[in-house]
């Protein structure tokens, strides 16, 4: 990622035709006439650069549990316990065997924690998208959308 001053200098050079943003102590060097469409192009370039920049993550409060660093969805099947009628247990399964889908959050050094169970994959994917702000890709990803 470019530092802001370098990004501004690049935009000024590419969109406005201004070779440098450094003060050079001369009217002909420090003042420039630019067309309004060049200013608009520069503002659009700055806006696009802002959209493309990763969102800063807030600092972790040390008194709170660690943040999830990724999410995944797994198909699960409920089995009745033959030895204990009325009891059941859950196991991961193939997608076509799923009774429900579980959303897991991953924590470095701890593994995964179940966040919730959902009737169908679409609802589970919607929940991950609501948490992360990005569509679920079917791969374990961190909150910035990069694969772990």
N, C-alpha and C. Protein backbone atom coordinates (compact mmCIF):
# COMPACT_ATOMS: atom_id res chain seq x y z
N UNK A 1 0.84 -1.18 0.00
CA UNK A 1 0.00 0.00 0.00
C UNK A 1 0.88 1.24 0.00
N UNK A 2 0.51 2.22 -0.81
CA UNK A 2 1.28 3.47 -0.88
C UNK A 2 0.97 4.34 0.32
N UNK A 3 1.98 5.08 0.74
CA UNK A 3 1.78 6.08 1.79
C UNK A 3 0.96 7.22 1.20
N UNK A 4 0.16 7.92 2.02
CA UNK A 4 -0.72 8.97 1.49
C UNK A 4 0.01 10.03 0.67
N UNK A 5 1.15 10.54 1.14
CA UNK A 5 1.84 11.60 0.40
C UNK A 5 2.29 11.12 -0.98
N UNK A 6 2.74 9.88 -1.07
CA UNK A 6 3.14 9.34 -2.37
C UNK A 6 1.92 9.17 -3.27
N UNK A 7 0.82 8.70 -2.71
CA UNK A 7 -0.42 8.56 -3.47
C UNK A 7 -0.88 9.92 -4.00
N UNK A 8 -0.86 10.95 -3.14
CA UNK A 8 -1.27 12.29 -3.57
C UNK A 8 -0.36 12.80 -4.68
N UNK A 9 0.94 12.60 -4.55
CA UNK A 9 1.89 13.04 -5.57
C UNK A 9 1.64 12.33 -6.90
N UNK A 10 1.35 11.03 -6.83
CA UNK A 10 1.05 10.27 -8.05
C UNK A 10 -0.21 10.79 -8.72
N UNK A 11 -1.25 11.05 -7.93
CA UNK A 11 -2.50 11.57 -8.49
C UNK A 11 -2.27 12.95 -9.11
N UNK A 12 -1.55 13.82 -8.42
CA UNK A 12 -1.27 15.16 -8.95
C UNK A 12 -0.52 15.08 -10.27
N UNK A 13 0.45 14.20 -10.35
CA UNK A 13 1.25 14.06 -11.57
C UNK A 13 0.40 13.47 -12.70
N UNK A 14 -0.33 12.37 -12.41
CA UNK A 14 -1.06 11.66 -13.45
C UNK A 14 -2.33 12.38 -13.89
N UNK A 15 -3.06 12.99 -12.96
CA UNK A 15 -4.35 13.58 -13.28
C UNK A 15 -4.30 15.08 -13.54
N UNK A 16 -3.37 15.77 -12.89
CA UNK A 16 -3.33 17.23 -12.98
C UNK A 16 -2.13 17.76 -13.75
N UNK A 17 -1.18 16.88 -14.07
CA UNK A 17 0.02 17.32 -14.79
C UNK A 17 0.96 18.14 -13.93
N UNK A 18 0.87 17.98 -12.61
CA UNK A 18 1.75 18.71 -11.68
C UNK A 18 2.89 17.77 -11.31
N UNK A 19 4.14 18.12 -11.67
CA UNK A 19 5.24 17.17 -11.49
C UNK A 19 5.59 16.85 -10.04
N UNK A 20 5.36 17.77 -9.12
CA UNK A 20 5.69 17.50 -7.72
C UNK A 20 4.78 18.33 -6.82
N UNK A 21 4.54 17.83 -5.63
CA UNK A 21 3.77 18.59 -4.64
C UNK A 21 4.70 19.27 -3.63
N UNK A 22 5.99 19.15 -3.83
CA UNK A 22 6.95 19.82 -2.94
C UNK A 22 6.93 21.32 -3.20
N UNK A 23 6.99 22.10 -2.14
CA UNK A 23 7.06 23.56 -2.28
C UNK A 23 8.42 23.92 -2.86
N UNK A 24 8.39 24.72 -3.94
CA UNK A 24 9.65 25.07 -4.60
C UNK A 24 9.93 26.57 -4.54
N UNK A 25 9.13 27.30 -3.82
CA UNK A 25 9.31 28.73 -3.55
C UNK A 25 9.43 29.59 -4.82
N UNK A 26 8.52 29.36 -5.71
CA UNK A 26 8.45 30.19 -6.91
C UNK A 26 7.05 30.12 -7.47
N UNK A 27 6.47 31.28 -7.80
CA UNK A 27 5.09 31.29 -8.28
C UNK A 27 4.90 30.36 -9.47
N UNK A 28 5.80 30.41 -10.42
CA UNK A 28 5.65 29.58 -11.62
C UNK A 28 5.79 28.09 -11.29
N UNK A 29 6.46 27.79 -10.19
CA UNK A 29 6.67 26.39 -9.80
C UNK A 29 5.61 25.88 -8.84
N UNK A 30 5.03 26.78 -8.03
CA UNK A 30 4.11 26.35 -6.97
C UNK A 30 2.64 26.59 -7.29
N UNK A 31 2.32 27.37 -8.30
CA UNK A 31 0.93 27.63 -8.67
C UNK A 31 0.69 27.09 -10.07
N UNK A 32 -0.45 26.41 -10.25
CA UNK A 32 -0.75 25.76 -11.53
C UNK A 32 -2.19 26.04 -11.92
N UNK A 33 -2.42 26.24 -13.21
CA UNK A 33 -3.78 26.32 -13.75
C UNK A 33 -4.17 24.90 -14.16
N UNK A 34 -5.32 24.45 -13.68
CA UNK A 34 -5.78 23.12 -14.04
C UNK A 34 -7.24 23.20 -14.47
N UNK A 35 -7.62 22.32 -15.37
CA UNK A 35 -9.00 22.26 -15.85
C UNK A 35 -9.88 21.58 -14.81
N UNK A 36 -11.15 21.96 -14.79
CA UNK A 36 -12.07 21.37 -13.81
C UNK A 36 -12.18 19.86 -14.01
N UNK A 37 -12.11 19.39 -15.27
CA UNK A 37 -12.19 17.94 -15.48
C UNK A 37 -10.96 17.22 -14.94
N UNK A 38 -9.83 17.92 -14.88
CA UNK A 38 -8.64 17.33 -14.27
C UNK A 38 -8.81 17.22 -12.76
N UNK A 39 -9.42 18.25 -12.18
CA UNK A 39 -9.70 18.21 -10.73
C UNK A 39 -10.67 17.07 -10.44
N UNK A 40 -11.71 16.93 -11.26
CA UNK A 40 -12.67 15.84 -11.08
C UNK A 40 -11.96 14.48 -11.20
N UNK A 41 -11.10 14.33 -12.19
CA UNK A 41 -10.36 13.07 -12.35
C UNK A 41 -9.48 12.79 -11.14
N UNK A 42 -8.85 13.83 -10.60
CA UNK A 42 -8.00 13.65 -9.41
C UNK A 42 -8.83 13.24 -8.21
N UNK A 43 -9.99 13.88 -8.04
CA UNK A 43 -10.85 13.52 -6.91
C UNK A 43 -11.36 12.09 -7.04
N UNK A 44 -11.74 11.70 -8.26
CA UNK A 44 -12.18 10.32 -8.49
C UNK A 44 -11.06 9.33 -8.19
N UNK A 45 -9.84 9.64 -8.61
CA UNK A 45 -8.70 8.76 -8.35
C UNK A 45 -8.46 8.61 -6.85
N UNK A 46 -8.58 9.72 -6.12
CA UNK A 46 -8.40 9.66 -4.66
C UNK A 46 -9.51 8.84 -4.02
N UNK A 47 -10.73 9.02 -4.50
CA UNK A 47 -11.87 8.27 -3.97
C UNK A 47 -11.68 6.77 -4.22
N UNK A 48 -11.31 6.40 -5.45
CA UNK A 48 -11.08 4.99 -5.78
C UNK A 48 -9.96 4.40 -4.93
N UNK A 49 -8.91 5.17 -4.70
CA UNK A 49 -7.81 4.69 -3.85
C UNK A 49 -8.31 4.43 -2.44
N UNK A 50 -9.19 5.28 -1.95
CA UNK A 50 -9.76 5.08 -0.62
C UNK A 50 -10.62 3.83 -0.55
N UNK A 51 -11.41 3.59 -1.60
CA UNK A 51 -12.24 2.38 -1.63
C UNK A 51 -11.39 1.12 -1.66
N UNK A 52 -10.28 1.18 -2.36
CA UNK A 52 -9.41 0.01 -2.51
C UNK A 52 -8.56 -0.26 -1.28
N UNK A 53 -8.41 0.73 -0.42
CA UNK A 53 -7.56 0.57 0.77
C UNK A 53 -8.22 -0.38 1.77
N UNK A 54 -7.44 -1.23 2.42
CA UNK A 54 -8.02 -2.11 3.45
C UNK A 54 -8.52 -1.28 4.62
N UNK A 55 -9.63 -1.75 5.20
CA UNK A 55 -10.17 -1.04 6.35
C UNK A 55 -9.28 -1.28 7.56
N UNK A 56 -8.98 -0.23 8.30
CA UNK A 56 -8.17 -0.45 9.51
C UNK A 56 -8.98 -1.23 10.54
N UNK A 57 -8.34 -2.16 11.18
CA UNK A 57 -9.02 -2.94 12.22
C UNK A 57 -8.85 -2.23 13.55
N UNK A 58 -9.92 -2.11 14.30
CA UNK A 58 -9.78 -1.49 15.62
C UNK A 58 -8.87 -2.32 16.51
N UNK A 59 -8.17 -1.65 17.40
CA UNK A 59 -7.28 -2.36 18.32
C UNK A 59 -8.08 -3.29 19.22
N UNK A 60 -7.53 -4.45 19.48
CA UNK A 60 -8.17 -5.45 20.33
C UNK A 60 -8.11 -5.01 21.78
N UNK A 61 -9.24 -5.01 22.45
CA UNK A 61 -9.29 -4.74 23.89
C UNK A 61 -8.73 -5.97 24.60
N UNK A 62 -7.65 -5.82 25.38
CA UNK A 62 -7.01 -6.98 26.01
C UNK A 62 -7.91 -7.69 27.02
N UNK A 63 -8.97 -7.04 27.48
CA UNK A 63 -9.88 -7.66 28.45
C UNK A 63 -10.95 -8.51 27.78
N UNK A 64 -11.03 -8.45 26.46
CA UNK A 64 -12.04 -9.22 25.74
C UNK A 64 -11.42 -10.48 25.13
N UNK A 65 -12.26 -11.48 24.82
CA UNK A 65 -11.73 -12.66 24.13
C UNK A 65 -11.13 -12.26 22.78
N UNK A 66 -10.21 -13.09 22.28
CA UNK A 66 -9.59 -12.82 20.98
C UNK A 66 -10.66 -12.77 19.89
N UNK A 67 -10.41 -11.91 18.88
CA UNK A 67 -11.29 -11.80 17.73
C UNK A 67 -11.17 -13.03 16.84
N UNK A 68 -12.26 -13.35 16.13
CA UNK A 68 -12.17 -14.37 15.10
C UNK A 68 -11.28 -13.83 13.98
N UNK A 69 -10.40 -14.68 13.45
CA UNK A 69 -9.56 -14.25 12.34
C UNK A 69 -9.97 -14.90 11.03
N UNK A 70 -11.04 -15.67 11.04
CA UNK A 70 -11.56 -16.29 9.84
C UNK A 70 -12.87 -17.00 10.13
N UNK A 71 -13.57 -17.37 9.07
CA UNK A 71 -14.88 -18.02 9.20
C UNK A 71 -14.97 -19.17 8.22
N UNK A 72 -15.72 -20.19 8.59
CA UNK A 72 -15.98 -21.30 7.68
C UNK A 72 -17.36 -21.86 7.96
N UNK A 73 -17.89 -22.56 6.99
CA UNK A 73 -19.22 -23.17 7.09
C UNK A 73 -19.05 -24.66 6.81
N UNK A 74 -19.66 -25.48 7.66
CA UNK A 74 -19.56 -26.93 7.48
C UNK A 74 -20.95 -27.57 7.52
N UNK A 75 -21.19 -28.56 6.66
CA UNK A 75 -22.43 -29.32 6.75
C UNK A 75 -22.38 -30.27 7.94
N UNK A 76 -23.50 -30.41 8.65
CA UNK A 76 -23.55 -31.28 9.83
C UNK A 76 -24.80 -32.15 9.79
N UNK A 77 -24.67 -33.31 10.42
CA UNK A 77 -25.79 -34.24 10.50
C UNK A 77 -25.99 -34.64 11.95
N UNK A 78 -27.27 -34.70 12.35
CA UNK A 78 -27.62 -35.11 13.70
C UNK A 78 -27.95 -36.61 13.68
N UNK A 79 -27.34 -37.34 14.60
CA UNK A 79 -27.57 -38.78 14.73
C UNK A 79 -28.21 -39.06 16.08
N UNK A 80 -29.19 -39.96 16.10
CA UNK A 80 -29.79 -40.37 17.36
C UNK A 80 -28.88 -41.39 18.02
N UNK A 81 -28.73 -41.26 19.32
CA UNK A 81 -27.88 -42.18 20.09
C UNK A 81 -28.68 -43.45 20.36
N UNK A 82 -28.25 -44.57 19.79
CA UNK A 82 -28.98 -45.84 19.92
C UNK A 82 -29.01 -46.32 21.36
N UNK A 83 -27.99 -45.99 22.14
CA UNK A 83 -27.93 -46.46 23.52
C UNK A 83 -28.69 -45.56 24.48
N UNK A 84 -28.93 -44.33 24.09
CA UNK A 84 -29.62 -43.36 24.95
C UNK A 84 -30.75 -42.72 24.16
N UNK A 85 -31.93 -43.35 24.09
CA UNK A 85 -33.05 -42.75 23.35
C UNK A 85 -33.31 -41.32 23.87
N UNK A 86 -33.59 -40.43 22.97
CA UNK A 86 -33.82 -39.04 23.34
C UNK A 86 -32.56 -38.19 23.26
N UNK A 87 -31.40 -38.84 23.20
CA UNK A 87 -30.15 -38.09 23.06
C UNK A 87 -29.67 -38.18 21.61
N UNK A 88 -28.93 -37.19 21.20
CA UNK A 88 -28.38 -37.21 19.85
C UNK A 88 -26.98 -36.62 19.88
N UNK A 89 -26.27 -36.81 18.80
CA UNK A 89 -24.95 -36.20 18.65
C UNK A 89 -24.82 -35.70 17.22
N UNK A 90 -23.87 -34.82 17.01
CA UNK A 90 -23.70 -34.17 15.71
C UNK A 90 -22.31 -34.49 15.17
N UNK A 91 -22.26 -34.76 13.88
CA UNK A 91 -20.99 -35.03 13.20
C UNK A 91 -20.95 -34.24 11.89
N UNK A 92 -19.75 -33.85 11.45
CA UNK A 92 -19.64 -33.27 10.11
C UNK A 92 -20.03 -34.33 9.09
N UNK A 93 -20.51 -33.89 7.93
CA UNK A 93 -20.94 -34.84 6.91
C UNK A 93 -20.73 -34.25 5.52
N UNK A 94 -21.13 -35.00 4.53
CA UNK A 94 -21.10 -34.50 3.15
C UNK A 94 -22.28 -33.54 2.96
N UNK A 95 -22.13 -32.57 2.07
CA UNK A 95 -23.20 -31.59 1.89
C UNK A 95 -24.57 -32.20 1.60
N UNK A 96 -24.63 -33.26 0.80
CA UNK A 96 -25.93 -33.85 0.47
C UNK A 96 -26.57 -34.58 1.66
N UNK A 97 -25.82 -34.83 2.74
CA UNK A 97 -26.35 -35.49 3.93
C UNK A 97 -26.73 -34.51 5.04
N UNK A 98 -26.50 -33.22 4.83
CA UNK A 98 -26.62 -32.23 5.90
C UNK A 98 -28.05 -32.07 6.41
N UNK A 99 -28.18 -32.08 7.74
CA UNK A 99 -29.43 -31.71 8.39
C UNK A 99 -29.44 -30.20 8.64
N UNK A 100 -28.25 -29.63 8.79
CA UNK A 100 -28.09 -28.19 9.00
C UNK A 100 -26.65 -27.82 8.70
N UNK A 101 -26.38 -26.52 8.72
CA UNK A 101 -25.06 -25.98 8.41
C UNK A 101 -24.58 -25.15 9.59
N UNK A 102 -23.33 -25.35 10.01
CA UNK A 102 -22.78 -24.62 11.15
C UNK A 102 -21.75 -23.61 10.66
N UNK A 103 -21.89 -22.38 11.17
CA UNK A 103 -20.90 -21.33 10.92
C UNK A 103 -19.91 -21.36 12.07
N UNK A 104 -18.63 -21.43 11.73
CA UNK A 104 -17.56 -21.45 12.72
C UNK A 104 -16.71 -20.19 12.57
N UNK A 105 -16.25 -19.68 13.69
CA UNK A 105 -15.26 -18.61 13.69
C UNK A 105 -13.94 -19.20 14.15
N UNK A 106 -12.85 -18.84 13.48
CA UNK A 106 -11.53 -19.36 13.82
C UNK A 106 -10.78 -18.35 14.67
N UNK A 107 -10.09 -18.85 15.69
CA UNK A 107 -9.23 -18.01 16.53
C UNK A 107 -7.84 -18.63 16.53
N UNK A 108 -6.84 -17.83 16.19
CA UNK A 108 -5.46 -18.32 16.15
C UNK A 108 -5.07 -18.92 17.49
N UNK A 109 -4.52 -20.11 17.45
CA UNK A 109 -4.07 -20.78 18.66
C UNK A 109 -5.17 -21.49 19.44
N UNK A 110 -6.42 -21.33 19.01
CA UNK A 110 -7.54 -21.96 19.72
C UNK A 110 -8.35 -22.90 18.84
N UNK A 111 -8.31 -22.73 17.54
CA UNK A 111 -9.14 -23.53 16.65
C UNK A 111 -10.43 -22.82 16.32
N UNK A 112 -11.50 -23.60 16.11
CA UNK A 112 -12.77 -23.01 15.71
C UNK A 112 -13.78 -23.04 16.85
N UNK A 113 -14.70 -22.07 16.78
CA UNK A 113 -15.81 -21.97 17.73
C UNK A 113 -17.09 -21.91 16.92
N UNK A 114 -18.08 -22.74 17.27
CA UNK A 114 -19.36 -22.69 16.56
C UNK A 114 -20.07 -21.39 16.89
N UNK A 115 -20.50 -20.69 15.86
CA UNK A 115 -21.23 -19.44 16.04
C UNK A 115 -22.73 -19.70 15.99
N UNK A 116 -23.15 -20.55 15.05
CA UNK A 116 -24.58 -20.83 14.94
C UNK A 116 -24.85 -21.92 13.94
N UNK A 117 -26.04 -22.51 14.05
CA UNK A 117 -26.50 -23.55 13.14
C UNK A 117 -27.65 -22.98 12.32
N UNK A 118 -27.67 -23.32 11.02
CA UNK A 118 -28.65 -22.76 10.11
C UNK A 118 -29.24 -23.85 9.24
N UNK A 119 -30.52 -23.71 8.90
CA UNK A 119 -31.24 -24.75 8.16
C UNK A 119 -30.65 -25.03 6.78
N UNK A 120 -30.13 -23.99 6.14
CA UNK A 120 -29.59 -24.21 4.80
C UNK A 120 -28.31 -23.41 4.60
N UNK A 121 -27.57 -23.81 3.58
CA UNK A 121 -26.28 -23.19 3.29
C UNK A 121 -26.44 -21.71 2.96
N UNK A 122 -27.49 -21.36 2.24
CA UNK A 122 -27.70 -19.96 1.87
C UNK A 122 -27.81 -19.05 3.08
N UNK A 123 -28.54 -19.50 4.10
CA UNK A 123 -28.69 -18.69 5.31
C UNK A 123 -27.34 -18.59 6.04
N UNK A 124 -26.60 -19.68 6.10
CA UNK A 124 -25.28 -19.65 6.74
C UNK A 124 -24.34 -18.69 6.00
N UNK A 125 -24.37 -18.72 4.67
CA UNK A 125 -23.53 -17.80 3.88
C UNK A 125 -23.95 -16.36 4.11
N UNK A 126 -25.25 -16.11 4.25
CA UNK A 126 -25.74 -14.76 4.52
C UNK A 126 -25.20 -14.25 5.85
N UNK A 127 -25.18 -15.10 6.86
CA UNK A 127 -24.69 -14.69 8.18
C UNK A 127 -23.20 -14.35 8.11
N UNK A 128 -22.41 -15.17 7.42
CA UNK A 128 -20.98 -14.87 7.28
C UNK A 128 -20.80 -13.54 6.55
N UNK A 129 -21.59 -13.30 5.51
CA UNK A 129 -21.50 -12.04 4.77
C UNK A 129 -21.86 -10.86 5.68
N UNK A 130 -22.84 -11.04 6.55
CA UNK A 130 -23.21 -9.96 7.48
C UNK A 130 -22.09 -9.69 8.48
N UNK A 131 -21.41 -10.73 8.92
CA UNK A 131 -20.32 -10.57 9.88
C UNK A 131 -19.11 -9.91 9.23
N UNK A 132 -18.74 -10.38 8.04
CA UNK A 132 -17.50 -9.94 7.41
C UNK A 132 -17.66 -8.77 6.44
N UNK A 133 -18.87 -8.58 5.94
CA UNK A 133 -19.08 -7.55 4.92
C UNK A 133 -18.63 -8.00 3.55
N UNK A 134 -18.38 -9.31 3.40
CA UNK A 134 -17.93 -9.86 2.12
C UNK A 134 -18.67 -11.17 1.86
N UNK A 135 -18.84 -11.53 0.59
CA UNK A 135 -19.51 -12.81 0.31
C UNK A 135 -18.65 -13.98 0.76
N UNK A 136 -19.30 -15.04 1.19
CA UNK A 136 -18.58 -16.26 1.58
C UNK A 136 -18.16 -16.99 0.31
N UNK A 137 -16.89 -17.35 0.21
CA UNK A 137 -16.35 -17.96 -1.01
C UNK A 137 -16.28 -19.48 -0.96
N UNK A 138 -16.60 -20.07 0.18
CA UNK A 138 -16.46 -21.50 0.31
C UNK A 138 -15.12 -21.92 0.85
N UNK A 139 -14.23 -20.95 1.06
CA UNK A 139 -12.91 -21.21 1.62
C UNK A 139 -12.81 -20.47 2.94
N UNK A 140 -12.04 -21.02 3.85
CA UNK A 140 -11.83 -20.33 5.13
C UNK A 140 -11.10 -19.03 4.86
N UNK A 141 -11.71 -17.91 5.24
CA UNK A 141 -11.10 -16.61 5.00
C UNK A 141 -11.03 -15.81 6.28
N UNK A 142 -10.13 -14.84 6.28
CA UNK A 142 -10.08 -13.94 7.42
C UNK A 142 -11.00 -12.76 7.13
N UNK A 143 -11.23 -11.88 8.12
CA UNK A 143 -12.20 -10.81 7.93
C UNK A 143 -11.87 -9.84 6.80
N UNK A 144 -10.65 -9.81 6.31
CA UNK A 144 -10.32 -8.92 5.21
C UNK A 144 -10.55 -9.59 3.86
N UNK A 145 -11.01 -10.85 3.88
CA UNK A 145 -11.29 -11.55 2.65
C UNK A 145 -10.12 -12.35 2.10
N UNK A 146 -8.98 -12.34 2.76
CA UNK A 146 -7.82 -13.11 2.30
C UNK A 146 -7.91 -14.52 2.84
N UNK A 147 -7.51 -15.47 2.01
CA UNK A 147 -7.55 -16.88 2.43
C UNK A 147 -6.47 -17.16 3.46
N UNK A 148 -6.85 -17.99 4.45
CA UNK A 148 -5.88 -18.39 5.46
C UNK A 148 -5.04 -19.51 4.91
